[in-house]
Amino acid sequence: MLSVLRKARLKDKEMRILMLGLDNSGKTTIVKRIMNEDVNSVSPTLGFIIKTIDYEGYKLNIWDVGGQKTLRTYWKNYFEKTDTLIWVVDATDSERLEDCKAELKGLLLQERLMGASLLVFKNKSDVPGCMTTDDIREVCALEMRYLVDQILHF
């Protein structure tokens, strides 16, 4: 995350973070955890939610966008001025991993996301029997150094 924040220094210490993933991957729960909000009352995001946090002198605007299949065609409306794309993978949903891979690959081809940092977040890794980080890397053909596989504590 520190290298992502360094990139923001070139700007006004403000970052636009776009959080995407398939429906039920846990995007809103992650945002609520970051914001220290109650995670027991999470319902599917129909549209988008914007949360802003101040972190070490940076203003982070997190755009949490719904992942239902009917909403994915609208994702392109949120690409403009994105500094970081967080792609959330549900580690318990091996049946939809191919769909997850296809959506991520499609995003990586989007011209308006070129130059944005990418963080792949393996969520629900605390659930017994979930996929391993290597499983997700292999299926998604991710050639990256880091894949976050735990809930971050702020």
N, C-alpha and C. Protein backbone atom coordinates (compact mmCIF):
# COMPACT_ATOMS: atom_id res chain seq x y z
N MET A 1 0.83 -1.19 0.00
CA MET A 1 0.00 0.00 0.00
C MET A 1 0.88 1.25 0.00
N LEU A 2 2.06 1.14 0.60
CA LEU A 2 2.94 2.30 0.67
C LEU A 2 3.37 2.77 -0.71
N SER A 3 3.68 1.84 -1.62
CA SER A 3 4.08 2.25 -2.97
C SER A 3 2.92 2.91 -3.70
N VAL A 4 1.72 2.47 -3.41
CA VAL A 4 0.54 3.09 -4.01
C VAL A 4 0.39 4.52 -3.49
N LEU A 5 0.63 4.71 -2.21
CA LEU A 5 0.54 6.04 -1.62
C LEU A 5 1.63 6.96 -2.17
N ARG A 6 2.82 6.43 -2.41
CA ARG A 6 3.90 7.25 -2.98
C ARG A 6 3.50 7.80 -4.34
N LYS A 7 2.79 6.99 -5.12
CA LYS A 7 2.31 7.43 -6.43
C LYS A 7 1.41 8.66 -6.27
N ALA A 8 0.65 8.69 -5.20
CA ALA A 8 -0.29 9.79 -4.96
C ALA A 8 0.43 11.09 -4.63
N ARG A 9 1.67 11.03 -4.20
CA ARG A 9 2.42 12.25 -3.86
C ARG A 9 2.55 13.18 -5.05
N LEU A 10 2.48 12.62 -6.24
CA LEU A 10 2.57 13.43 -7.43
C LEU A 10 1.32 14.29 -7.60
N LYS A 11 0.28 13.94 -6.89
CA LYS A 11 -0.98 14.66 -6.99
C LYS A 11 -1.18 15.49 -5.73
N ASP A 12 -2.40 15.70 -5.35
CA ASP A 12 -2.72 16.52 -4.20
C ASP A 12 -2.95 15.69 -2.95
N LYS A 13 -2.21 14.61 -2.80
CA LYS A 13 -2.36 13.72 -1.66
C LYS A 13 -3.80 13.20 -1.54
N GLU A 14 -4.42 13.04 -2.68
CA GLU A 14 -5.77 12.49 -2.73
C GLU A 14 -5.78 11.37 -3.76
N MET A 15 -6.37 10.24 -3.38
CA MET A 15 -6.40 9.08 -4.27
C MET A 15 -7.82 8.60 -4.49
N ARG A 16 -8.06 8.16 -5.70
CA ARG A 16 -9.33 7.52 -6.04
C ARG A 16 -9.07 6.03 -6.15
N ILE A 17 -9.70 5.26 -5.28
CA ILE A 17 -9.54 3.81 -5.24
C ILE A 17 -10.85 3.18 -5.68
N LEU A 18 -10.77 2.37 -6.72
CA LEU A 18 -11.96 1.69 -7.25
C LEU A 18 -11.92 0.24 -6.80
N MET A 19 -12.93 -0.18 -6.05
CA MET A 19 -13.00 -1.54 -5.55
C MET A 19 -14.05 -2.31 -6.33
N LEU A 20 -13.58 -3.33 -7.06
CA LEU A 20 -14.45 -4.15 -7.89
C LEU A 20 -14.25 -5.63 -7.58
N GLY A 21 -15.18 -6.43 -8.02
CA GLY A 21 -15.13 -7.87 -7.85
C GLY A 21 -16.52 -8.41 -8.12
N LEU A 22 -16.62 -9.72 -8.22
CA LEU A 22 -17.93 -10.33 -8.45
C LEU A 22 -18.84 -10.07 -7.25
N ASP A 23 -20.15 -10.22 -7.48
CA ASP A 23 -21.08 -10.07 -6.38
C ASP A 23 -20.76 -11.08 -5.27
N ASN A 24 -20.96 -10.67 -4.05
CA ASN A 24 -20.74 -11.49 -2.86
C ASN A 24 -19.26 -11.79 -2.58
N SER A 25 -18.35 -11.04 -3.19
CA SER A 25 -16.93 -11.27 -2.92
C SER A 25 -16.50 -10.62 -1.61
N GLY A 26 -17.28 -9.66 -1.12
CA GLY A 26 -16.96 -9.05 0.17
C GLY A 26 -16.44 -7.63 0.09
N LYS A 27 -16.64 -6.96 -1.03
CA LYS A 27 -16.13 -5.60 -1.21
C LYS A 27 -16.65 -4.65 -0.13
N THR A 28 -17.95 -4.63 0.06
CA THR A 28 -18.55 -3.71 1.03
C THR A 28 -18.11 -4.05 2.45
N THR A 29 -17.99 -5.32 2.76
CA THR A 29 -17.53 -5.73 4.09
C THR A 29 -16.11 -5.22 4.33
N ILE A 30 -15.25 -5.32 3.33
CA ILE A 30 -13.88 -4.82 3.47
C ILE A 30 -13.90 -3.32 3.74
N VAL A 31 -14.68 -2.58 2.96
CA VAL A 31 -14.76 -1.13 3.15
C VAL A 31 -15.29 -0.81 4.54
N LYS A 32 -16.32 -1.51 4.98
CA LYS A 32 -16.88 -1.26 6.31
C LYS A 32 -15.85 -1.57 7.40
N ARG A 33 -15.05 -2.62 7.22
CA ARG A 33 -14.00 -2.94 8.20
C ARG A 33 -12.97 -1.82 8.26
N ILE A 34 -12.58 -1.32 7.10
CA ILE A 34 -11.62 -0.21 7.06
C ILE A 34 -12.17 1.01 7.78
N MET A 35 -13.48 1.24 7.62
CA MET A 35 -14.13 2.41 8.21
C MET A 35 -14.57 2.17 9.66
N ASN A 36 -14.26 0.99 10.20
CA ASN A 36 -14.70 0.61 11.55
C ASN A 36 -16.21 0.68 11.72
N GLU A 37 -16.93 0.25 10.70
CA GLU A 37 -18.39 0.22 10.74
C GLU A 37 -18.86 -1.21 10.99
N ASP A 38 -20.11 -1.34 11.39
CA ASP A 38 -20.71 -2.64 11.65
C ASP A 38 -20.78 -3.45 10.36
N VAL A 39 -20.23 -4.66 10.41
CA VAL A 39 -20.24 -5.53 9.22
C VAL A 39 -21.35 -6.57 9.27
N ASN A 40 -22.18 -6.50 10.30
CA ASN A 40 -23.27 -7.46 10.42
C ASN A 40 -24.49 -7.06 9.61
N SER A 41 -24.49 -5.85 9.09
CA SER A 41 -25.66 -5.37 8.35
C SER A 41 -25.34 -5.07 6.89
N VAL A 42 -24.56 -5.94 6.27
CA VAL A 42 -24.15 -5.72 4.88
C VAL A 42 -25.19 -6.35 3.94
N SER A 43 -25.59 -5.58 2.95
CA SER A 43 -26.50 -6.09 1.92
C SER A 43 -25.87 -5.81 0.55
N PRO A 44 -26.32 -6.48 -0.50
CA PRO A 44 -25.73 -6.27 -1.82
C PRO A 44 -25.75 -4.79 -2.23
N THR A 45 -24.65 -4.35 -2.81
CA THR A 45 -24.54 -2.96 -3.26
C THR A 45 -25.21 -2.84 -4.63
N LEU A 46 -26.24 -2.03 -4.68
CA LEU A 46 -26.95 -1.78 -5.94
C LEU A 46 -26.55 -0.39 -6.40
N GLY A 47 -25.50 -0.32 -7.18
CA GLY A 47 -24.95 0.97 -7.58
C GLY A 47 -23.55 1.10 -7.01
N PHE A 48 -23.33 2.17 -6.23
CA PHE A 48 -22.01 2.37 -5.66
C PHE A 48 -22.11 3.09 -4.32
N ILE A 49 -21.03 2.97 -3.55
CA ILE A 49 -20.90 3.65 -2.27
C ILE A 49 -19.53 4.31 -2.28
N ILE A 50 -19.45 5.54 -1.82
CA ILE A 50 -18.16 6.22 -1.71
C ILE A 50 -17.86 6.46 -0.23
N LYS A 51 -16.68 6.05 0.20
CA LYS A 51 -16.22 6.30 1.57
C LYS A 51 -14.88 7.00 1.47
N THR A 52 -14.65 7.94 2.35
CA THR A 52 -13.39 8.68 2.37
C THR A 52 -12.72 8.49 3.72
N ILE A 53 -11.43 8.16 3.67
CA ILE A 53 -10.67 8.07 4.91
C ILE A 53 -9.40 8.89 4.77
N ASP A 54 -8.94 9.41 5.88
CA ASP A 54 -7.66 10.09 5.94
C ASP A 54 -6.66 9.09 6.50
N TYR A 55 -5.59 8.86 5.75
CA TYR A 55 -4.59 7.88 6.16
C TYR A 55 -3.21 8.47 5.94
N GLU A 56 -2.51 8.72 7.03
CA GLU A 56 -1.15 9.26 7.00
C GLU A 56 -1.03 10.46 6.08
N GLY A 57 -1.96 11.39 6.20
CA GLY A 57 -1.91 12.61 5.41
C GLY A 57 -2.50 12.51 4.02
N TYR A 58 -2.99 11.35 3.67
CA TYR A 58 -3.61 11.15 2.36
C TYR A 58 -5.12 11.04 2.51
N LYS A 59 -5.82 11.54 1.54
CA LYS A 59 -7.28 11.41 1.49
C LYS A 59 -7.58 10.30 0.49
N LEU A 60 -8.12 9.19 0.99
CA LEU A 60 -8.41 8.04 0.15
C LEU A 60 -9.91 7.95 -0.09
N ASN A 61 -10.31 8.12 -1.34
CA ASN A 61 -11.71 8.01 -1.73
C ASN A 61 -11.93 6.62 -2.30
N ILE A 62 -12.65 5.79 -1.56
CA ILE A 62 -12.88 4.40 -1.96
C ILE A 62 -14.26 4.30 -2.61
N TRP A 63 -14.27 3.89 -3.87
CA TRP A 63 -15.51 3.69 -4.62
C TRP A 63 -15.80 2.20 -4.64
N ASP A 64 -16.80 1.79 -3.89
CA ASP A 64 -17.24 0.40 -3.80
C ASP A 64 -18.42 0.24 -4.75
N VAL A 65 -18.20 -0.53 -5.82
CA VAL A 65 -19.22 -0.65 -6.87
C VAL A 65 -19.79 -2.06 -6.88
N GLY A 66 -21.10 -2.16 -7.01
CA GLY A 66 -21.78 -3.46 -7.02
C GLY A 66 -21.22 -4.40 -8.07
N GLY A 67 -21.20 -5.69 -7.76
CA GLY A 67 -20.61 -6.68 -8.66
C GLY A 67 -21.58 -7.62 -9.34
N GLN A 68 -22.88 -7.38 -9.17
CA GLN A 68 -23.86 -8.24 -9.83
C GLN A 68 -23.66 -8.18 -11.35
N LYS A 69 -23.94 -9.28 -11.99
CA LYS A 69 -23.74 -9.37 -13.44
C LYS A 69 -24.42 -8.23 -14.19
N THR A 70 -25.61 -7.85 -13.75
CA THR A 70 -26.35 -6.77 -14.43
C THR A 70 -25.70 -5.41 -14.25
N LEU A 71 -24.84 -5.26 -13.24
CA LEU A 71 -24.19 -3.97 -12.98
C LEU A 71 -22.81 -3.86 -13.62
N ARG A 72 -22.23 -4.96 -14.03
CA ARG A 72 -20.84 -4.95 -14.52
C ARG A 72 -20.65 -4.10 -15.77
N THR A 73 -21.67 -4.00 -16.61
CA THR A 73 -21.54 -3.17 -17.81
C THR A 73 -21.40 -1.69 -17.44
N TYR A 74 -21.79 -1.32 -16.24
CA TYR A 74 -21.68 0.07 -15.78
C TYR A 74 -20.34 0.37 -15.12
N TRP A 75 -19.51 -0.65 -14.88
CA TRP A 75 -18.22 -0.42 -14.23
C TRP A 75 -17.41 0.63 -14.97
N LYS A 76 -17.50 0.63 -16.29
CA LYS A 76 -16.69 1.57 -17.09
C LYS A 76 -16.96 3.03 -16.73
N ASN A 77 -18.13 3.30 -16.17
CA ASN A 77 -18.46 4.67 -15.77
C ASN A 77 -17.65 5.16 -14.57
N TYR A 78 -16.93 4.27 -13.92
CA TYR A 78 -16.18 4.62 -12.70
C TYR A 78 -14.66 4.61 -12.92
N PHE A 79 -14.20 4.34 -14.14
CA PHE A 79 -12.77 4.20 -14.42
C PHE A 79 -12.01 5.52 -14.38
N GLU A 80 -12.65 6.60 -14.76
CA GLU A 80 -11.98 7.89 -14.93
C GLU A 80 -11.25 8.31 -13.65
N LYS A 81 -9.99 8.68 -13.81
CA LYS A 81 -9.14 9.20 -12.74
C LYS A 81 -8.91 8.21 -11.60
N THR A 82 -9.02 6.91 -11.89
CA THR A 82 -8.74 5.89 -10.88
C THR A 82 -7.24 5.75 -10.70
N ASP A 83 -6.79 5.85 -9.45
CA ASP A 83 -5.38 5.68 -9.13
C ASP A 83 -5.06 4.22 -8.81
N THR A 84 -5.98 3.55 -8.14
CA THR A 84 -5.77 2.16 -7.73
C THR A 84 -7.04 1.36 -7.95
N LEU A 85 -6.88 0.18 -8.53
CA LEU A 85 -7.98 -0.77 -8.68
C LEU A 85 -7.74 -1.89 -7.68
N ILE A 86 -8.70 -2.09 -6.79
CA ILE A 86 -8.65 -3.24 -5.88
C ILE A 86 -9.65 -4.26 -6.42
N TRP A 87 -9.14 -5.42 -6.81
CA TRP A 87 -9.98 -6.51 -7.31
C TRP A 87 -10.13 -7.53 -6.19
N VAL A 88 -11.37 -7.75 -5.74
CA VAL A 88 -11.64 -8.63 -4.61
C VAL A 88 -12.08 -10.00 -5.13
N VAL A 89 -11.39 -11.04 -4.65
CA VAL A 89 -11.69 -12.42 -5.04
C VAL A 89 -12.24 -13.16 -3.81
N ASP A 90 -13.37 -13.81 -3.97
CA ASP A 90 -13.96 -14.63 -2.91
C ASP A 90 -13.25 -15.98 -2.92
N ALA A 91 -12.42 -16.24 -1.91
CA ALA A 91 -11.63 -17.46 -1.86
C ALA A 91 -12.47 -18.71 -1.59
N THR A 92 -13.76 -18.53 -1.30
CA THR A 92 -14.64 -19.68 -1.07
C THR A 92 -15.46 -20.04 -2.30
N ASP A 93 -15.33 -19.26 -3.36
CA ASP A 93 -16.20 -19.43 -4.54
C ASP A 93 -15.41 -19.95 -5.74
N SER A 94 -14.96 -21.20 -5.64
CA SER A 94 -14.17 -21.78 -6.73
C SER A 94 -15.00 -21.98 -8.00
N GLU A 95 -16.32 -22.11 -7.86
CA GLU A 95 -17.18 -22.33 -9.02
C GLU A 95 -17.21 -21.14 -9.97
N ARG A 96 -16.95 -19.95 -9.44
CA ARG A 96 -16.99 -18.75 -10.29
C ARG A 96 -15.61 -18.15 -10.53
N LEU A 97 -14.57 -18.92 -10.28
CA LEU A 97 -13.22 -18.38 -10.46
C LEU A 97 -12.93 -18.06 -11.93
N GLU A 98 -13.45 -18.85 -12.85
CA GLU A 98 -13.25 -18.56 -14.28
C GLU A 98 -13.93 -17.24 -14.65
N ASP A 99 -15.12 -17.00 -14.13
CA ASP A 99 -15.83 -15.73 -14.35
C ASP A 99 -15.02 -14.58 -13.75
N CYS A 100 -14.48 -14.82 -12.58
CA CYS A 100 -13.64 -13.82 -11.91
C CYS A 100 -12.43 -13.48 -12.78
N LYS A 101 -11.80 -14.51 -13.32
CA LYS A 101 -10.64 -14.32 -14.19
C LYS A 101 -11.01 -13.51 -15.43
N ALA A 102 -12.11 -13.87 -16.06
CA ALA A 102 -12.53 -13.18 -17.29
C ALA A 102 -12.82 -11.71 -17.03
N GLU A 103 -13.49 -11.41 -15.94
CA GLU A 103 -13.80 -10.01 -15.61
C GLU A 103 -12.53 -9.22 -15.32
N LEU A 104 -11.61 -9.81 -14.57
CA LEU A 104 -10.35 -9.11 -14.26
C LEU A 104 -9.55 -8.87 -15.53
N LYS A 105 -9.45 -9.87 -16.38
CA LYS A 105 -8.69 -9.69 -17.63
C LYS A 105 -9.31 -8.59 -18.49
N GLY A 106 -10.64 -8.54 -18.52
CA GLY A 106 -11.32 -7.47 -19.25
C GLY A 106 -10.99 -6.10 -18.69
N LEU A 107 -10.92 -6.00 -17.38
CA LEU A 107 -10.58 -4.72 -16.75
C LEU A 107 -9.16 -4.29 -17.08
N LEU A 108 -8.25 -5.25 -17.11
CA LEU A 108 -6.85 -4.93 -17.36
C LEU A 108 -6.61 -4.44 -18.79
N LEU A 109 -7.58 -4.65 -19.67
CA LEU A 109 -7.47 -4.18 -21.06
C LEU A 109 -8.08 -2.79 -21.25
N GLN A 110 -8.71 -2.27 -20.22
CA GLN A 110 -9.38 -0.97 -20.33
C GLN A 110 -8.37 0.17 -20.35
N GLU A 111 -8.42 0.96 -21.39
CA GLU A 111 -7.47 2.06 -21.56
C GLU A 111 -7.54 3.07 -20.42
N ARG A 112 -8.74 3.34 -19.91
CA ARG A 112 -8.88 4.34 -18.85
C ARG A 112 -8.37 3.85 -17.50
N LEU A 113 -8.01 2.57 -17.40
CA LEU A 113 -7.40 2.06 -16.17
C LEU A 113 -5.89 1.90 -16.31
N MET A 114 -5.36 2.17 -17.50
CA MET A 114 -3.92 2.08 -17.70
C MET A 114 -3.23 3.06 -16.76
N GLY A 115 -2.20 2.61 -16.10
CA GLY A 115 -1.48 3.46 -15.16
C GLY A 115 -1.98 3.35 -13.73
N ALA A 116 -3.14 2.75 -13.54
CA ALA A 116 -3.65 2.55 -12.18
C ALA A 116 -2.92 1.36 -11.55
N SER A 117 -2.64 1.46 -10.27
CA SER A 117 -2.06 0.33 -9.55
C SER A 117 -3.13 -0.74 -9.36
N LEU A 118 -2.71 -2.00 -9.30
CA LEU A 118 -3.65 -3.10 -9.11
C LEU A 118 -3.31 -3.84 -7.83
N LEU A 119 -4.32 -4.05 -6.99
CA LEU A 119 -4.20 -4.87 -5.80
C LEU A 119 -5.27 -5.94 -5.88
N VAL A 120 -4.86 -7.21 -5.88
CA VAL A 120 -5.81 -8.31 -5.87
C VAL A 120 -5.93 -8.76 -4.42
N PHE A 121 -7.15 -8.75 -3.92
CA PHE A 121 -7.43 -9.03 -2.52
C PHE A 121 -8.16 -10.35 -2.40
N LYS A 122 -7.51 -11.34 -1.81
CA LYS A 122 -8.13 -12.65 -1.59
C LYS A 122 -8.93 -12.56 -0.29
N ASN A 123 -10.24 -12.54 -0.41
CA ASN A 123 -11.11 -12.36 0.74
C ASN A 123 -11.67 -13.70 1.22
N LYS A 124 -12.09 -13.74 2.46
CA LYS A 124 -12.67 -14.92 3.11
C LYS A 124 -11.64 -16.04 3.25
N SER A 125 -10.39 -15.66 3.39
CA SER A 125 -9.31 -16.65 3.51
C SER A 125 -9.32 -17.34 4.87
N ASP A 126 -10.15 -16.85 5.79
CA ASP A 126 -10.25 -17.47 7.10
C ASP A 126 -11.26 -18.63 7.13
N VAL A 127 -11.95 -18.86 6.02
CA VAL A 127 -12.96 -19.92 5.95
C VAL A 127 -12.26 -21.25 5.61
N PRO A 128 -12.48 -22.28 6.45
CA PRO A 128 -11.85 -23.58 6.16
C PRO A 128 -12.22 -24.08 4.77
N GLY A 129 -11.23 -24.62 4.08
CA GLY A 129 -11.45 -25.18 2.75
C GLY A 129 -11.41 -24.17 1.62
N CYS A 130 -11.08 -22.92 1.94
CA CYS A 130 -11.03 -21.91 0.88
C CYS A 130 -9.84 -22.18 -0.05
N MET A 131 -9.87 -21.54 -1.19
CA MET A 131 -8.78 -21.69 -2.15
C MET A 131 -7.50 -21.06 -1.60
N THR A 132 -6.39 -21.60 -2.02
CA THR A 132 -5.11 -21.03 -1.61
C THR A 132 -4.76 -19.86 -2.53
N THR A 133 -3.79 -19.10 -2.11
CA THR A 133 -3.30 -18.00 -2.93
C THR A 133 -2.77 -18.54 -4.26
N ASP A 134 -2.07 -19.67 -4.21
CA ASP A 134 -1.54 -20.27 -5.43
C ASP A 134 -2.66 -20.73 -6.37
N ASP A 135 -3.76 -21.25 -5.81
CA ASP A 135 -4.91 -21.65 -6.64
C ASP A 135 -5.41 -20.45 -7.44
N ILE A 136 -5.57 -19.34 -6.76
CA ILE A 136 -6.11 -18.14 -7.41
C ILE A 136 -5.12 -17.60 -8.43
N ARG A 137 -3.85 -17.55 -8.08
CA ARG A 137 -2.82 -17.08 -9.02
C ARG A 137 -2.83 -17.93 -10.28
N GLU A 138 -2.89 -19.24 -10.09
CA GLU A 138 -2.82 -20.16 -11.23
C GLU A 138 -4.02 -20.00 -12.17
N VAL A 139 -5.21 -20.01 -11.62
CA VAL A 139 -6.41 -19.92 -12.45
C VAL A 139 -6.51 -18.56 -13.12
N CYS A 140 -6.19 -17.52 -12.38
CA CYS A 140 -6.30 -16.17 -12.94
C CYS A 140 -5.07 -15.80 -13.76
N ALA A 141 -4.07 -16.67 -13.78
CA ALA A 141 -2.82 -16.42 -14.51
C ALA A 141 -2.24 -15.07 -14.10
N LEU A 142 -2.20 -14.86 -12.80
CA LEU A 142 -1.69 -13.59 -12.29
C LEU A 142 -0.19 -13.66 -12.12
N GLU A 143 0.50 -12.81 -12.81
CA GLU A 143 1.94 -12.73 -12.68
C GLU A 143 2.26 -11.44 -11.95
N MET A 144 2.13 -11.52 -10.64
CA MET A 144 2.39 -10.34 -9.82
C MET A 144 3.11 -10.80 -8.56
N ARG A 145 3.74 -9.86 -7.93
CA ARG A 145 4.50 -10.21 -6.74
C ARG A 145 3.63 -10.43 -5.52
N TYR A 146 2.54 -9.70 -5.40
CA TYR A 146 1.76 -9.74 -4.17
C TYR A 146 0.30 -10.04 -4.44
N LEU A 147 -0.27 -10.83 -3.59
CA LEU A 147 -1.70 -11.07 -3.57
C LEU A 147 -2.08 -11.03 -2.10
N VAL A 148 -2.87 -10.07 -1.72
CA VAL A 148 -3.23 -9.93 -0.31
C VAL A 148 -4.20 -11.04 0.04
N ASP A 149 -3.87 -11.82 1.07
CA ASP A 149 -4.72 -12.96 1.39
C ASP A 149 -5.24 -12.93 2.83
N GLN A 150 -5.39 -11.75 3.36
CA GLN A 150 -5.97 -11.65 4.69
C GLN A 150 -6.61 -10.29 4.86
N ILE A 151 -7.47 -10.20 5.85
CA ILE A 151 -8.10 -8.91 6.15
C ILE A 151 -7.03 -7.99 6.73
N LEU A 152 -6.94 -6.80 6.19
CA LEU A 152 -6.00 -5.82 6.71
C LEU A 152 -6.60 -5.15 7.93
N HIS A 153 -5.79 -4.90 8.92
CA HIS A 153 -6.27 -4.23 10.14
C HIS A 153 -5.71 -2.83 10.17
N PHE A 154 -6.59 -1.84 10.21
CA PHE A 154 -6.18 -0.45 10.24
C PHE A 154 -6.36 0.10 11.63
